[in-house]
Amino acid sequence: MKGVTIFGNFTVLETFILNGVQVDKGFDERLDIFYRINLCIENSEDGINDTFIYCYYRNIDDLKKDMGNYIG
């Protein structure tokens, strides 16, 4: 996430699929709109200790740009 810290809860307004990745559109307690994706970081070759992290974006264009860097 680019220069933004999320405090408290994230409320999902809608969920959609973008390039095969689930995206949640929602807001925080300040009512700022964010797009959230859940990424899996593999910690081992067997995949047992995978770590999942949420990445938040203020706008869909930044999310699409980063997805292009990681996916395609």
PDB file of N, CA and C in Angstrom:
ATOM      1  N   MET A   1       0.843  -1.159   0.000  1.00  0.00           N
ATOM      2  CA  MET A   1       0.000   0.000   0.000  1.00  0.00           C
ATOM      3  C   MET A   1       0.894   1.229   0.000  1.00  0.00           C
ATOM      4  N   LYS A   2       0.555   2.185  -0.756  1.00  0.00           N
ATOM      5  CA  LYS A   2       1.414   3.323  -0.990  1.00  0.00           C
ATOM      6  C   LYS A   2       1.137   4.474  -0.007  1.00  0.00           C
ATOM      7  N   GLY A   3       1.896   4.538   1.085  1.00  0.00           N
ATOM      8  CA  GLY A   3       1.816   5.660   2.009  1.00  0.00           C
ATOM      9  C   GLY A   3       0.525   5.767   2.794  1.00  0.00           C
ATOM     10  N   VAL A   4      -0.190   4.678   2.999  1.00  0.00           N
ATOM     11  CA  VAL A   4      -1.460   4.726   3.712  1.00  0.00           C
ATOM     12  C   VAL A   4      -1.430   3.680   4.811  1.00  0.00           C
ATOM     13  N   THR A   5      -1.894   4.060   5.993  1.00  0.00           N
ATOM     14  CA  THR A   5      -2.018   3.113   7.091  1.00  0.00           C
ATOM     15  C   THR A   5      -3.486   2.934   7.416  1.00  0.00           C
ATOM     16  N   ILE A   6      -3.915   1.699   7.514  1.00  0.00           N
ATOM     17  CA  ILE A   6      -5.296   1.398   7.857  1.00  0.00           C
ATOM     18  C   ILE A   6      -5.369   1.119   9.349  1.00  0.00           C
ATOM     19  N   PHE A   7      -6.171   1.895  10.051  1.00  0.00           N
ATOM     20  CA  PHE A   7      -6.409   1.653  11.477  1.00  0.00           C
ATOM     21  C   PHE A   7      -7.831   1.148  11.631  1.00  0.00           C
ATOM     22  N   GLY A   8      -8.015   0.189  12.502  1.00  0.00           N
ATOM     23  CA  GLY A   8      -9.366  -0.271  12.789  1.00  0.00           C
ATOM     24  C   GLY A   8      -9.918  -1.201  11.736  1.00  0.00           C
ATOM     25  N   ASN A   9     -11.213  -1.143  11.552  1.00  0.00           N
ATOM     26  CA  ASN A   9     -11.923  -2.088  10.695  1.00  0.00           C
ATOM     27  C   ASN A   9     -11.997  -1.640   9.244  1.00  0.00           C
ATOM     28  N   PHE A  10     -12.089  -2.622   8.379  1.00  0.00           N
ATOM     29  CA  PHE A  10     -12.313  -2.392   6.957  1.00  0.00           C
ATOM     30  C   PHE A  10     -13.666  -3.002   6.627  1.00  0.00           C
ATOM     31  N   THR A  11     -14.594  -2.200   6.135  1.00  0.00           N
ATOM     32  CA  THR A  11     -15.935  -2.661   5.795  1.00  0.00           C
ATOM     33  C   THR A  11     -16.031  -2.864   4.299  1.00  0.00           C
ATOM     34  N   VAL A  12     -16.380  -4.067   3.866  1.00  0.00           N
ATOM     35  CA  VAL A  12     -16.458  -4.402   2.444  1.00  0.00           C
ATOM     36  C   VAL A  12     -17.814  -3.971   1.886  1.00  0.00           C
ATOM     37  N   LEU A  13     -17.767  -3.199   0.800  1.00  0.00           N
ATOM     38  CA  LEU A  13     -18.978  -2.784   0.094  1.00  0.00           C
ATOM     39  C   LEU A  13     -19.323  -3.737  -1.035  1.00  0.00           C
ATOM     40  N   GLU A  14     -18.302  -4.178  -1.753  1.00  0.00           N
ATOM     41  CA  GLU A  14     -18.507  -5.116  -2.857  1.00  0.00           C
ATOM     42  C   GLU A  14     -17.227  -5.908  -3.086  1.00  0.00           C
ATOM     43  N   THR A  15     -17.390  -7.067  -3.687  1.00  0.00           N
ATOM     44  CA  THR A  15     -16.267  -7.934  -4.035  1.00  0.00           C
ATOM     45  C   THR A  15     -16.378  -8.297  -5.502  1.00  0.00           C
ATOM     46  N   PHE A  16     -15.248  -8.223  -6.213  1.00  0.00           N
ATOM     47  CA  PHE A  16     -15.247  -8.580  -7.632  1.00  0.00           C
ATOM     48  C   PHE A  16     -13.918  -9.235  -7.975  1.00  0.00           C
ATOM     49  N   ILE A  17     -13.862  -9.852  -9.145  1.00  0.00           N
ATOM     50  CA  ILE A  17     -12.660 -10.526  -9.624  1.00  0.00           C
ATOM     51  C   ILE A  17     -12.001  -9.658 -10.693  1.00  0.00           C
ATOM     52  N   LEU A  18     -10.698  -9.427 -10.553  1.00  0.00           N
ATOM     53  CA  LEU A  18      -9.923  -8.644 -11.509  1.00  0.00           C
ATOM     54  C   LEU A  18      -8.684  -9.447 -11.862  1.00  0.00           C
ATOM     55  N   ASN A  19      -8.558  -9.846 -13.117  1.00  0.00           N
ATOM     56  CA  ASN A  19      -7.423 -10.662 -13.571  1.00  0.00           C
ATOM     57  C   ASN A  19      -7.237 -11.914 -12.713  1.00  0.00           C
ATOM     58  N   GLY A  20      -8.337 -12.530 -12.330  1.00  0.00           N
ATOM     59  CA  GLY A  20      -8.279 -13.753 -11.556  1.00  0.00           C
ATOM     60  C   GLY A  20      -8.011 -13.571 -10.073  1.00  0.00           C
ATOM     61  N   VAL A  21      -7.976 -12.327  -9.593  1.00  0.00           N
ATOM     62  CA  VAL A  21      -7.716 -12.032  -8.192  1.00  0.00           C
ATOM     63  C   VAL A  21      -8.961 -11.402  -7.581  1.00  0.00           C
ATOM     64  N   GLN A  22      -9.344 -11.876  -6.382  1.00  0.00           N
ATOM     65  CA  GLN A  22     -10.495 -11.301  -5.691  1.00  0.00           C
ATOM     66  C   GLN A  22     -10.131  -9.945  -5.112  1.00  0.00           C
ATOM     67  N   VAL A  23     -10.947  -8.923  -5.411  1.00  0.00           N
ATOM     68  CA  VAL A  23     -10.732  -7.564  -4.934  1.00  0.00           C
ATOM     69  C   VAL A  23     -11.936  -7.161  -4.092  1.00  0.00           C
ATOM     70  N   ASP A  24     -11.677  -6.629  -2.897  1.00  0.00           N
ATOM     71  CA  ASP A  24     -12.726  -6.083  -2.042  1.00  0.00           C
ATOM     72  C   ASP A  24     -12.665  -4.568  -2.106  1.00  0.00           C
ATOM     73  N   LYS A  25     -13.798  -3.940  -2.410  1.00  0.00           N
ATOM     74  CA  LYS A  25     -13.901  -2.484  -2.353  1.00  0.00           C
ATOM     75  C   LYS A  25     -14.636  -2.153  -1.070  1.00  0.00           C
ATOM     76  N   GLY A  26     -14.053  -1.248  -0.266  1.00  0.00           N
ATOM     77  CA  GLY A  26     -14.679  -0.925   1.003  1.00  0.00           C
ATOM     78  C   GLY A  26     -14.145   0.361   1.587  1.00  0.00           C
ATOM     79  N   PHE A  27     -14.412   0.557   2.889  1.00  0.00           N
ATOM     80  CA  PHE A  27     -13.992   1.786   3.550  1.00  0.00           C
ATOM     81  C   PHE A  27     -13.523   1.483   4.970  1.00  0.00           C
ATOM     82  N   ASP A  28     -12.738   2.426   5.515  1.00  0.00           N
ATOM     83  CA  ASP A  28     -12.264   2.297   6.891  1.00  0.00           C
ATOM     84  C   ASP A  28     -13.130   3.164   7.802  1.00  0.00           C
ATOM     85  N   GLU A  29     -12.706   3.332   9.073  1.00  0.00           N
ATOM     86  CA  GLU A  29     -13.542   4.100  10.012  1.00  0.00           C
ATOM     87  C   GLU A  29     -13.606   5.580   9.675  1.00  0.00           C
ATOM     88  N   ARG A  30     -12.680   6.073   8.851  1.00  0.00           N
ATOM     89  CA  ARG A  30     -12.726   7.475   8.417  1.00  0.00           C
ATOM     90  C   ARG A  30     -13.549   7.637   7.143  1.00  0.00           C
ATOM     91  N   LEU A  31     -14.143   6.543   6.661  1.00  0.00           N
ATOM     92  CA  LEU A  31     -14.963   6.497   5.449  1.00  0.00           C
ATOM     93  C   LEU A  31     -14.155   6.740   4.184  1.00  0.00           C
ATOM     94  N   ASP A  32     -12.834   6.505   4.244  1.00  0.00           N
ATOM     95  CA  ASP A  32     -11.994   6.557   3.045  1.00  0.00           C
ATOM     96  C   ASP A  32     -12.180   5.256   2.280  1.00  0.00           C
ATOM     97  N   ILE A  33     -12.327   5.348   0.963  1.00  0.00           N
ATOM     98  CA  ILE A  33     -12.523   4.173   0.117  1.00  0.00           C
ATOM     99  C   ILE A  33     -11.170   3.553  -0.218  1.00  0.00           C
ATOM    100  N   PHE A  34     -11.094   2.227  -0.129  1.00  0.00           N
ATOM    101  CA  PHE A  34      -9.894   1.483  -0.472  1.00  0.00           C
ATOM    102  C   PHE A  34     -10.260   0.239  -1.255  1.00  0.00           C
ATOM    103  N   TYR A  35      -9.296  -0.280  -2.002  1.00  0.00           N
ATOM    104  CA  TYR A  35      -9.403  -1.573  -2.669  1.00  0.00           C
ATOM    105  C   TYR A  35      -8.406  -2.495  -1.990  1.00  0.00           C
ATOM    106  N   ARG A  36      -8.845  -3.706  -1.654  1.00  0.00           N
ATOM    107  CA  ARG A  36      -8.004  -4.631  -0.903  1.00  0.00           C
ATOM    108  C   ARG A  36      -7.878  -5.953  -1.659  1.00  0.00           C
ATOM    109  N   ILE A  37      -6.640  -6.455  -1.721  1.00  0.00           N
ATOM    110  CA  ILE A  37      -6.422  -7.794  -2.261  1.00  0.00           C
ATOM    111  C   ILE A  37      -5.659  -8.603  -1.221  1.00  0.00           C
ATOM    112  N   ASN A  38      -5.844  -9.894  -1.250  1.00  0.00           N
ATOM    113  CA  ASN A  38      -5.192 -10.809  -0.323  1.00  0.00           C
ATOM    114  C   ASN A  38      -4.124 -11.572  -1.094  1.00  0.00           C
ATOM    115  N   LEU A  39      -2.876 -11.387  -0.720  1.00  0.00           N
ATOM    116  CA  LEU A  39      -1.766 -12.055  -1.393  1.00  0.00           C
ATOM    117  C   LEU A  39      -1.212 -13.167  -0.521  1.00  0.00           C
ATOM    118  N   CYS A  40      -0.773 -14.226  -1.159  1.00  0.00           N
ATOM    119  CA  CYS A  40      -0.162 -15.359  -0.458  1.00  0.00           C
ATOM    120  C   CYS A  40       1.336 -15.323  -0.714  1.00  0.00           C
ATOM    121  N   ILE A  41       2.104 -15.320   0.359  1.00  0.00           N
ATOM    122  CA  ILE A  41       3.569 -15.363   0.268  1.00  0.00           C
ATOM    123  C   ILE A  41       4.001 -16.725   0.762  1.00  0.00           C
ATOM    124  N   GLU A  42       4.599 -17.492  -0.125  1.00  0.00           N
ATOM    125  CA  GLU A  42       5.034 -18.834   0.253  1.00  0.00           C
ATOM    126  C   GLU A  42       6.311 -18.753   1.077  1.00  0.00           C
ATOM    127  N   ASN A  43       6.284 -19.382   2.245  1.00  0.00           N
ATOM    128  CA  ASN A  43       7.444 -19.381   3.133  1.00  0.00           C
ATOM    129  C   ASN A  43       8.299 -20.624   2.990  1.00  0.00           C
ATOM    130  N   SER A  44       7.760 -21.664   2.383  1.00  0.00           N
ATOM    131  CA  SER A  44       8.524 -22.900   2.250  1.00  0.00           C
ATOM    132  C   SER A  44       8.112 -23.605   0.972  1.00  0.00           C
ATOM    133  N   GLU A  45       8.922 -24.550   0.548  1.00  0.00           N
ATOM    134  CA  GLU A  45       8.634 -25.261  -0.695  1.00  0.00           C
ATOM    135  C   GLU A  45       7.400 -26.142  -0.596  1.00  0.00           C
ATOM    136  N   ASP A  46       7.100 -26.656   0.584  1.00  0.00           N
ATOM    137  CA  ASP A  46       5.937 -27.526   0.719  1.00  0.00           C
ATOM    138  C   ASP A  46       4.631 -26.748   0.846  1.00  0.00           C
ATOM    139  N   GLY A  47       4.707 -25.415   1.022  1.00  0.00           N
ATOM    140  CA  GLY A  47       3.520 -24.580   1.060  1.00  0.00           C
ATOM    141  C   GLY A  47       2.734 -24.639   2.354  1.00  0.00           C
ATOM    142  N   ILE A  48       3.254 -25.348   3.356  1.00  0.00           N
ATOM    143  CA  ILE A  48       2.508 -25.496   4.606  1.00  0.00           C
ATOM    144  C   ILE A  48       2.518 -24.201   5.414  1.00  0.00           C
ATOM    145  N   ASN A  49       3.603 -23.473   5.398  1.00  0.00           N
ATOM    146  CA  ASN A  49       3.723 -22.260   6.212  1.00  0.00           C
ATOM    147  C   ASN A  49       3.472 -20.994   5.394  1.00  0.00           C
ATOM    148  N   ASP A  50       2.491 -21.024   4.508  1.00  0.00           N
ATOM    149  CA  ASP A  50       2.179 -19.851   3.696  1.00  0.00           C
ATOM    150  C   ASP A  50       1.667 -18.710   4.577  1.00  0.00           C
ATOM    151  N   THR A  51       2.005 -17.492   4.208  1.00  0.00           N
ATOM    152  CA  THR A  51       1.553 -16.298   4.905  1.00  0.00           C
ATOM    153  C   THR A  51       0.664 -15.505   3.971  1.00  0.00           C
ATOM    154  N   PHE A  52      -0.472 -15.046   4.496  1.00  0.00           N
ATOM    155  CA  PHE A  52      -1.392 -14.241   3.711  1.00  0.00           C
ATOM    156  C   PHE A  52      -1.361 -12.813   4.231  1.00  0.00           C
ATOM    157  N   ILE A  53      -1.245 -11.854   3.311  1.00  0.00           N
ATOM    158  CA  ILE A  53      -1.243 -10.447   3.697  1.00  0.00           C
ATOM    159  C   ILE A  53      -2.277  -9.703   2.862  1.00  0.00           C
ATOM    160  N   TYR A  54      -2.865  -8.687   3.456  1.00  0.00           N
ATOM    161  CA  TYR A  54      -3.783  -7.812   2.729  1.00  0.00           C
ATOM    162  C   TYR A  54      -3.011  -6.607   2.226  1.00  0.00           C
ATOM    163  N   CYS A  55      -3.254  -6.235   0.987  1.00  0.00           N
ATOM    164  CA  CYS A  55      -2.678  -5.024   0.406  1.00  0.00           C
ATOM    165  C   CYS A  55      -3.827  -4.078   0.086  1.00  0.00           C
ATOM    166  N   TYR A  56      -3.689  -2.834   0.507  1.00  0.00           N
ATOM    167  CA  TYR A  56      -4.738  -1.835   0.325  1.00  0.00           C
ATOM    168  C   TYR A  56      -4.271  -0.782  -0.676  1.00  0.00           C
ATOM    169  N   TYR A  57      -5.188  -0.323  -1.510  1.00  0.00           N
ATOM    170  CA  TYR A  57      -4.901   0.704  -2.518  1.00  0.00           C
ATOM    171  C   TYR A  57      -5.975   1.776  -2.456  1.00  0.00           C
ATOM    172  N   ARG A  58      -5.562   3.016  -2.616  1.00  0.00           N
ATOM    173  CA  ARG A  58      -6.521   4.129  -2.613  1.00  0.00           C
ATOM    174  C   ARG A  58      -7.319   4.196  -3.910  1.00  0.00           C
ATOM    175  N   ASN A  59      -6.741   3.727  -5.006  1.00  0.00           N
ATOM    176  CA  ASN A  59      -7.494   3.765  -6.262  1.00  0.00           C
ATOM    177  C   ASN A  59      -7.222   2.519  -7.086  1.00  0.00           C
ATOM    178  N   ILE A  60      -8.126   2.241  -7.985  1.00  0.00           N
ATOM    179  CA  ILE A  60      -8.074   1.016  -8.782  1.00  0.00           C
ATOM    180  C   ILE A  60      -6.910   1.041  -9.771  1.00  0.00           C
ATOM    181  N   ASP A  61      -6.498   2.214 -10.214  1.00  0.00           N
ATOM    182  CA  ASP A  61      -5.390   2.307 -11.173  1.00  0.00           C
ATOM    183  C   ASP A  61      -4.071   1.828 -10.569  1.00  0.00           C
ATOM    184  N   ASP A  62      -3.792   2.210  -9.301  1.00  0.00           N
ATOM    185  CA  ASP A  62      -2.575   1.727  -8.629  1.00  0.00           C
ATOM    186  C   ASP A  62      -2.629   0.217  -8.447  1.00  0.00           C
ATOM    187  N   LEU A  63      -3.799  -0.310  -8.108  1.00  0.00           N
ATOM    188  CA  LEU A  63      -3.951  -1.753  -7.943  1.00  0.00           C
ATOM    189  C   LEU A  63      -3.692  -2.476  -9.255  1.00  0.00           C
ATOM    190  N   LYS A  64      -4.263  -1.986 -10.347  1.00  0.00           N
ATOM    191  CA  LYS A  64      -4.050  -2.614 -11.661  1.00  0.00           C
ATOM    192  C   LYS A  64      -2.587  -2.555 -12.064  1.00  0.00           C
ATOM    193  N   LYS A  65      -1.923  -1.442 -11.780  1.00  0.00           N
ATOM    194  CA  LYS A  65      -0.506  -1.299 -12.112  1.00  0.00           C
ATOM    195  C   LYS A  65       0.331  -2.330 -11.373  1.00  0.00           C
ATOM    196  N   ASP A  66       0.111  -2.462 -10.052  1.00  0.00           N
ATOM    197  CA  ASP A  66       0.860  -3.451  -9.271  1.00  0.00           C
ATOM    198  C   ASP A  66       0.531  -4.872  -9.703  1.00  0.00           C
ATOM    199  N   MET A  67      -0.722  -5.149 -10.012  1.00  0.00           N
ATOM    200  CA  MET A  67      -1.100  -6.476 -10.461  1.00  0.00           C
ATOM    201  C   MET A  67      -0.396  -6.813 -11.775  1.00  0.00           C
ATOM    202  N   GLY A  68      -0.255  -5.838 -12.643  1.00  0.00           N
ATOM    203  CA  GLY A  68       0.467  -6.055 -13.897  1.00  0.00           C
ATOM    204  C   GLY A  68       1.922  -6.404 -13.654  1.00  0.00           C
ATOM    205  N   ASN A  69       2.514  -5.811 -12.630  1.00  0.00           N
ATOM    206  CA  ASN A  69       3.903  -6.100 -12.274  1.00  0.00           C
ATOM    207  C   ASN A  69       4.069  -7.501 -11.706  1.00  0.00           C
ATOM    208  N   TYR A  70       3.060  -7.989 -10.958  1.00  0.00           N
ATOM    209  CA  TYR A  70       3.175  -9.286 -10.297  1.00  0.00           C
ATOM    210  C   TYR A  70       2.636 -10.428 -11.153  1.00  0.00           C
ATOM    211  N   ILE A  71       1.556 -10.172 -11.895  1.00  0.00           N
ATOM    212  CA  ILE A  71       0.882 -11.245 -12.620  1.00  0.00           C
ATOM    213  C   ILE A  71       1.380 -11.354 -14.062  1.00  0.00           C
ATOM    214  N   GLY A  72       1.456 -10.239 -14.733  1.00  0.00           N
ATOM    215  CA  GLY A  72       1.736 -10.343 -16.149  1.00  0.00           C
ATOM    216  C   GLY A  72       2.921  -9.603 -16.556  1.00  0.00           C
TER     217      GLY A  72
END
